[in-house]
Amino acid sequence: MRDIVRGAYPLEKREVVMEGKDMRASILTLAPGQCVPWHYHSEVTDVFFCLEGPMVVETRAPRAERVLQVGESLAVPPRTAHHVQGLNGGRCRFLILQGVGDYDFRGVGGA
């Protein structure tokens, strides 16, 4: 797997649960005020499972904001810019499943 800027943003914790040539599962913890910045994936669907929250996944094209409670999940398809943070800037923890593809943070500024 190839990340363009994997880990270039602050996280409270990143735990890789499993990584293979075609898939990765990680648990990410965001401290209050932290976020996964706007980015998109060329071929990857991100699947988020909220473990502690609530958490917010925001997308563009289509523009949407989804609040996930503990136990809820959401899939973000390829080529969909998205941003993740705790509700109201709070702490959250989630499992993220990702397939093969490029991860691109370039040229995807904030809303």
N, C-alpha and C. Protein backbone atom coordinates (compact mmCIF):
# COMPACT_ATOMS: atom_id res chain seq x y z
N MET A 1 0.85 -1.19 0.00
CA MET A 1 0.00 0.00 0.00
C MET A 1 0.88 1.23 0.00
N ARG A 2 0.41 2.29 -0.67
CA ARG A 2 1.21 3.49 -0.77
C ARG A 2 0.42 4.67 -0.23
N ASP A 3 0.94 5.31 0.80
CA ASP A 3 0.34 6.51 1.35
C ASP A 3 1.16 7.69 0.89
N ILE A 4 0.48 8.75 0.50
CA ILE A 4 1.22 9.94 0.10
C ILE A 4 1.71 10.69 1.33
N VAL A 5 0.88 10.84 2.33
CA VAL A 5 1.31 11.54 3.55
C VAL A 5 0.80 10.85 4.80
N ARG A 6 0.82 9.55 4.84
CA ARG A 6 0.30 8.82 5.99
C ARG A 6 0.98 9.29 7.27
N GLY A 7 0.17 9.63 8.26
CA GLY A 7 0.71 10.03 9.55
C GLY A 7 1.25 11.44 9.61
N ALA A 8 0.98 12.27 8.59
CA ALA A 8 1.51 13.63 8.57
C ALA A 8 0.64 14.60 9.38
N TYR A 9 -0.33 14.10 10.08
CA TYR A 9 -1.18 14.93 10.93
C TYR A 9 -1.19 14.32 12.32
N PRO A 10 -1.35 15.14 13.36
CA PRO A 10 -1.27 14.62 14.73
C PRO A 10 -2.47 13.76 15.11
N LEU A 11 -2.18 12.64 15.76
CA LEU A 11 -3.19 11.74 16.30
C LEU A 11 -2.80 11.42 17.74
N GLU A 12 -3.81 11.20 18.59
CA GLU A 12 -3.49 10.73 19.93
C GLU A 12 -2.85 9.34 19.85
N LYS A 13 -3.42 8.49 18.97
CA LYS A 13 -2.88 7.14 18.86
C LYS A 13 -3.30 6.52 17.53
N ARG A 14 -2.38 5.73 16.94
CA ARG A 14 -2.67 4.93 15.75
C ARG A 14 -2.24 3.50 16.05
N GLU A 15 -3.17 2.55 15.94
CA GLU A 15 -2.88 1.14 16.16
C GLU A 15 -3.20 0.38 14.89
N VAL A 16 -2.19 -0.19 14.25
CA VAL A 16 -2.43 -1.01 13.07
C VAL A 16 -2.83 -2.40 13.56
N VAL A 17 -4.04 -2.80 13.25
CA VAL A 17 -4.57 -4.09 13.67
C VAL A 17 -4.13 -5.18 12.70
N MET A 18 -4.15 -4.84 11.40
CA MET A 18 -3.78 -5.79 10.36
C MET A 18 -3.37 -4.99 9.13
N GLU A 19 -2.30 -5.46 8.45
CA GLU A 19 -1.91 -4.84 7.20
C GLU A 19 -1.39 -5.90 6.26
N GLY A 20 -1.93 -5.91 5.05
CA GLY A 20 -1.51 -6.84 4.02
C GLY A 20 -1.31 -6.09 2.72
N LYS A 21 -1.07 -6.82 1.65
CA LYS A 21 -0.81 -6.15 0.38
C LYS A 21 -2.06 -5.49 -0.21
N ASP A 22 -3.24 -5.89 0.23
CA ASP A 22 -4.46 -5.32 -0.35
C ASP A 22 -5.45 -4.76 0.67
N MET A 23 -5.06 -4.70 1.95
CA MET A 23 -5.99 -4.17 2.96
C MET A 23 -5.25 -3.80 4.24
N ARG A 24 -5.79 -2.80 4.94
CA ARG A 24 -5.26 -2.41 6.24
C ARG A 24 -6.44 -2.12 7.17
N ALA A 25 -6.32 -2.53 8.43
CA ALA A 25 -7.29 -2.19 9.47
C ALA A 25 -6.52 -1.50 10.58
N SER A 26 -6.98 -0.31 10.97
CA SER A 26 -6.31 0.47 12.02
C SER A 26 -7.36 1.02 12.97
N ILE A 27 -6.93 1.25 14.21
CA ILE A 27 -7.75 1.98 15.17
C ILE A 27 -7.08 3.32 15.39
N LEU A 28 -7.81 4.40 15.11
CA LEU A 28 -7.30 5.75 15.29
C LEU A 28 -8.03 6.40 16.46
N THR A 29 -7.26 7.10 17.29
CA THR A 29 -7.83 7.88 18.39
C THR A 29 -7.48 9.33 18.14
N LEU A 30 -8.50 10.18 18.12
CA LEU A 30 -8.32 11.61 17.96
C LEU A 30 -8.58 12.28 19.30
N ALA A 31 -7.59 13.03 19.78
CA ALA A 31 -7.75 13.80 21.02
C ALA A 31 -8.65 15.01 20.72
N PRO A 32 -9.18 15.66 21.75
CA PRO A 32 -9.98 16.86 21.50
C PRO A 32 -9.21 17.85 20.62
N GLY A 33 -9.90 18.35 19.60
CA GLY A 33 -9.31 19.32 18.69
C GLY A 33 -8.55 18.72 17.51
N GLN A 34 -8.28 17.42 17.53
CA GLN A 34 -7.59 16.78 16.40
C GLN A 34 -8.60 16.34 15.34
N CYS A 35 -8.09 16.15 14.12
CA CYS A 35 -8.93 15.67 13.03
C CYS A 35 -8.07 14.93 12.02
N VAL A 36 -8.73 14.16 11.18
CA VAL A 36 -8.11 13.63 9.97
C VAL A 36 -8.46 14.67 8.91
N PRO A 37 -7.46 15.36 8.35
CA PRO A 37 -7.76 16.47 7.44
C PRO A 37 -8.41 16.02 6.14
N TRP A 38 -8.97 17.00 5.42
CA TRP A 38 -9.59 16.72 4.14
C TRP A 38 -8.63 15.98 3.23
N HIS A 39 -9.12 14.89 2.62
CA HIS A 39 -8.34 14.11 1.68
C HIS A 39 -9.29 13.22 0.89
N TYR A 40 -8.74 12.57 -0.11
CA TYR A 40 -9.52 11.59 -0.86
C TYR A 40 -8.61 10.44 -1.25
N HIS A 41 -9.19 9.36 -1.75
CA HIS A 41 -8.46 8.17 -2.17
C HIS A 41 -8.82 7.88 -3.62
N SER A 42 -7.83 7.51 -4.41
CA SER A 42 -8.08 7.26 -5.83
C SER A 42 -8.94 6.02 -6.05
N GLU A 43 -8.69 4.97 -5.28
CA GLU A 43 -9.40 3.70 -5.50
C GLU A 43 -9.91 3.07 -4.21
N VAL A 44 -9.71 3.73 -3.10
CA VAL A 44 -9.97 3.15 -1.79
C VAL A 44 -11.32 3.58 -1.24
N THR A 45 -12.06 2.63 -0.68
CA THR A 45 -13.23 2.94 0.14
C THR A 45 -12.78 2.88 1.58
N ASP A 46 -13.03 3.94 2.34
CA ASP A 46 -12.80 3.93 3.78
C ASP A 46 -14.08 3.47 4.47
N VAL A 47 -13.96 2.54 5.38
CA VAL A 47 -15.10 2.11 6.18
C VAL A 47 -14.77 2.44 7.63
N PHE A 48 -15.59 3.29 8.24
CA PHE A 48 -15.39 3.76 9.61
C PHE A 48 -16.36 3.06 10.54
N PHE A 49 -15.87 2.55 11.69
CA PHE A 49 -16.68 1.98 12.75
C PHE A 49 -16.39 2.76 14.01
N CYS A 50 -17.39 3.44 14.56
CA CYS A 50 -17.20 4.27 15.76
C CYS A 50 -17.08 3.37 16.99
N LEU A 51 -15.95 3.50 17.70
CA LEU A 51 -15.71 2.74 18.93
C LEU A 51 -15.94 3.61 20.17
N GLU A 52 -15.59 4.88 20.08
CA GLU A 52 -15.85 5.88 21.12
C GLU A 52 -16.23 7.15 20.40
N GLY A 53 -17.20 7.83 20.88
CA GLY A 53 -17.62 9.01 20.14
C GLY A 53 -18.56 9.86 20.95
N PRO A 54 -19.38 10.54 20.24
CA PRO A 54 -19.67 10.46 18.81
C PRO A 54 -18.56 11.08 17.96
N MET A 55 -18.61 10.76 16.65
CA MET A 55 -17.64 11.27 15.70
C MET A 55 -18.38 11.77 14.46
N VAL A 56 -17.72 12.65 13.70
CA VAL A 56 -18.34 13.24 12.52
C VAL A 56 -17.48 12.91 11.29
N VAL A 57 -18.13 12.40 10.25
CA VAL A 57 -17.49 12.20 8.96
C VAL A 57 -18.19 13.14 7.98
N GLU A 58 -17.43 14.07 7.44
CA GLU A 58 -17.97 15.05 6.51
C GLU A 58 -17.43 14.74 5.12
N THR A 59 -18.29 14.83 4.09
CA THR A 59 -17.87 14.57 2.72
C THR A 59 -18.26 15.75 1.83
N ARG A 60 -17.60 15.78 0.66
CA ARG A 60 -17.95 16.72 -0.40
C ARG A 60 -18.32 15.90 -1.63
N ALA A 61 -19.20 16.45 -2.44
CA ALA A 61 -19.58 15.85 -3.72
C ALA A 61 -19.90 14.36 -3.60
N PRO A 62 -20.88 13.96 -2.86
CA PRO A 62 -21.93 14.82 -2.34
C PRO A 62 -21.56 15.42 -0.98
N ARG A 63 -22.01 16.64 -0.75
CA ARG A 63 -21.78 17.31 0.52
C ARG A 63 -22.71 16.69 1.55
N ALA A 64 -22.10 16.16 2.63
CA ALA A 64 -22.89 15.52 3.68
C ALA A 64 -22.10 15.54 4.97
N GLU A 65 -22.82 15.47 6.08
CA GLU A 65 -22.20 15.35 7.39
C GLU A 65 -22.95 14.25 8.13
N ARG A 66 -22.22 13.24 8.56
CA ARG A 66 -22.84 12.11 9.26
C ARG A 66 -22.23 11.99 10.65
N VAL A 67 -23.05 12.00 11.66
CA VAL A 67 -22.61 11.80 13.04
C VAL A 67 -22.77 10.32 13.35
N LEU A 68 -21.66 9.67 13.72
CA LEU A 68 -21.69 8.26 14.08
C LEU A 68 -21.63 8.11 15.59
N GLN A 69 -22.55 7.33 16.11
CA GLN A 69 -22.55 6.97 17.52
C GLN A 69 -21.78 5.65 17.67
N VAL A 70 -21.43 5.30 18.89
CA VAL A 70 -20.74 4.04 19.14
C VAL A 70 -21.52 2.88 18.51
N GLY A 71 -20.81 2.05 17.75
CA GLY A 71 -21.43 0.90 17.09
C GLY A 71 -21.92 1.16 15.68
N GLU A 72 -21.96 2.42 15.25
CA GLU A 72 -22.41 2.73 13.90
C GLU A 72 -21.22 2.78 12.94
N SER A 73 -21.52 2.59 11.66
CA SER A 73 -20.46 2.59 10.64
C SER A 73 -20.89 3.39 9.42
N LEU A 74 -19.89 3.71 8.60
CA LEU A 74 -20.12 4.47 7.38
C LEU A 74 -19.02 4.15 6.40
N ALA A 75 -19.37 3.95 5.12
CA ALA A 75 -18.39 3.75 4.06
C ALA A 75 -18.32 5.02 3.21
N VAL A 76 -17.09 5.49 2.94
CA VAL A 76 -16.86 6.63 2.07
C VAL A 76 -16.19 6.09 0.80
N PRO A 77 -16.86 6.24 -0.35
CA PRO A 77 -16.34 5.65 -1.58
C PRO A 77 -15.12 6.39 -2.14
N PRO A 78 -14.41 5.75 -3.08
CA PRO A 78 -13.25 6.39 -3.71
C PRO A 78 -13.61 7.73 -4.34
N ARG A 79 -12.61 8.60 -4.41
CA ARG A 79 -12.70 9.93 -5.04
C ARG A 79 -13.70 10.85 -4.35
N THR A 80 -14.03 10.55 -3.10
CA THR A 80 -14.91 11.41 -2.32
C THR A 80 -14.08 12.06 -1.22
N ALA A 81 -13.88 13.37 -1.32
CA ALA A 81 -13.12 14.07 -0.28
C ALA A 81 -13.85 13.95 1.04
N HIS A 82 -13.08 13.69 2.11
CA HIS A 82 -13.70 13.55 3.42
C HIS A 82 -12.77 14.02 4.54
N HIS A 83 -13.36 14.26 5.69
CA HIS A 83 -12.72 14.84 6.87
C HIS A 83 -13.37 14.16 8.07
N VAL A 84 -12.58 13.86 9.11
CA VAL A 84 -13.10 13.14 10.28
C VAL A 84 -12.66 13.86 11.55
N GLN A 85 -13.59 13.98 12.51
CA GLN A 85 -13.26 14.56 13.82
C GLN A 85 -14.31 14.13 14.84
N GLY A 86 -14.01 14.36 16.10
CA GLY A 86 -14.99 14.12 17.14
C GLY A 86 -16.08 15.17 17.08
N LEU A 87 -17.28 14.82 17.51
CA LEU A 87 -18.38 15.77 17.53
C LEU A 87 -18.01 16.97 18.39
N ASN A 88 -18.23 18.16 17.86
CA ASN A 88 -17.89 19.42 18.54
C ASN A 88 -16.42 19.47 18.94
N GLY A 89 -15.56 18.83 18.15
CA GLY A 89 -14.13 18.85 18.43
C GLY A 89 -13.70 17.95 19.57
N GLY A 90 -14.57 17.06 20.01
CA GLY A 90 -14.26 16.17 21.13
C GLY A 90 -13.42 14.98 20.71
N ARG A 91 -13.10 14.16 21.69
CA ARG A 91 -12.29 12.95 21.48
C ARG A 91 -13.14 11.87 20.82
N CYS A 92 -12.52 11.08 19.94
CA CYS A 92 -13.21 9.93 19.37
C CYS A 92 -12.18 8.85 19.03
N ARG A 93 -12.68 7.64 18.87
CA ARG A 93 -11.83 6.48 18.55
C ARG A 93 -12.62 5.62 17.57
N PHE A 94 -11.95 5.19 16.50
CA PHE A 94 -12.66 4.44 15.48
C PHE A 94 -11.75 3.44 14.78
N LEU A 95 -12.38 2.37 14.30
CA LEU A 95 -11.73 1.39 13.45
C LEU A 95 -11.93 1.84 12.02
N ILE A 96 -10.84 1.81 11.23
CA ILE A 96 -10.95 2.16 9.83
C ILE A 96 -10.39 1.01 9.00
N LEU A 97 -11.19 0.57 8.02
CA LEU A 97 -10.79 -0.48 7.09
C LEU A 97 -10.54 0.18 5.74
N GLN A 98 -9.40 -0.13 5.13
CA GLN A 98 -9.03 0.49 3.85
C GLN A 98 -8.46 -0.56 2.91
N GLY A 99 -8.78 -0.42 1.64
CA GLY A 99 -8.23 -1.29 0.61
C GLY A 99 -7.03 -0.66 -0.06
N VAL A 100 -6.67 -1.17 -1.22
CA VAL A 100 -5.50 -0.72 -1.96
C VAL A 100 -5.80 0.57 -2.72
N GLY A 101 -4.80 1.44 -2.81
CA GLY A 101 -4.93 2.66 -3.61
C GLY A 101 -4.10 3.78 -3.04
N ASP A 102 -4.15 4.93 -3.71
CA ASP A 102 -3.40 6.10 -3.28
C ASP A 102 -4.24 6.95 -2.33
N TYR A 103 -3.56 7.61 -1.42
CA TYR A 103 -4.16 8.49 -0.44
C TYR A 103 -3.63 9.87 -0.74
N ASP A 104 -4.47 10.85 -1.00
CA ASP A 104 -3.98 12.14 -1.45
C ASP A 104 -4.58 13.27 -0.62
N PHE A 105 -3.69 14.01 0.06
CA PHE A 105 -4.09 15.16 0.84
C PHE A 105 -3.80 16.46 0.09
N ARG A 106 -3.14 16.37 -1.05
CA ARG A 106 -2.76 17.56 -1.80
C ARG A 106 -3.97 18.15 -2.49
N GLY A 107 -4.12 19.45 -2.40
CA GLY A 107 -5.17 20.13 -3.13
C GLY A 107 -6.57 19.92 -2.62
N VAL A 108 -6.72 19.45 -1.40
CA VAL A 108 -8.05 19.26 -0.82
C VAL A 108 -8.10 20.09 0.46
N GLY A 109 -8.32 21.38 0.30
CA GLY A 109 -8.35 22.29 1.44
C GLY A 109 -9.62 22.16 2.25
N GLY A 110 -9.69 22.89 3.33
CA GLY A 110 -10.87 22.87 4.19
C GLY A 110 -12.09 23.47 3.53
N ALA A 111 -13.22 23.25 4.16
CA ALA A 111 -14.48 23.71 3.59
C ALA A 111 -14.61 25.20 3.66
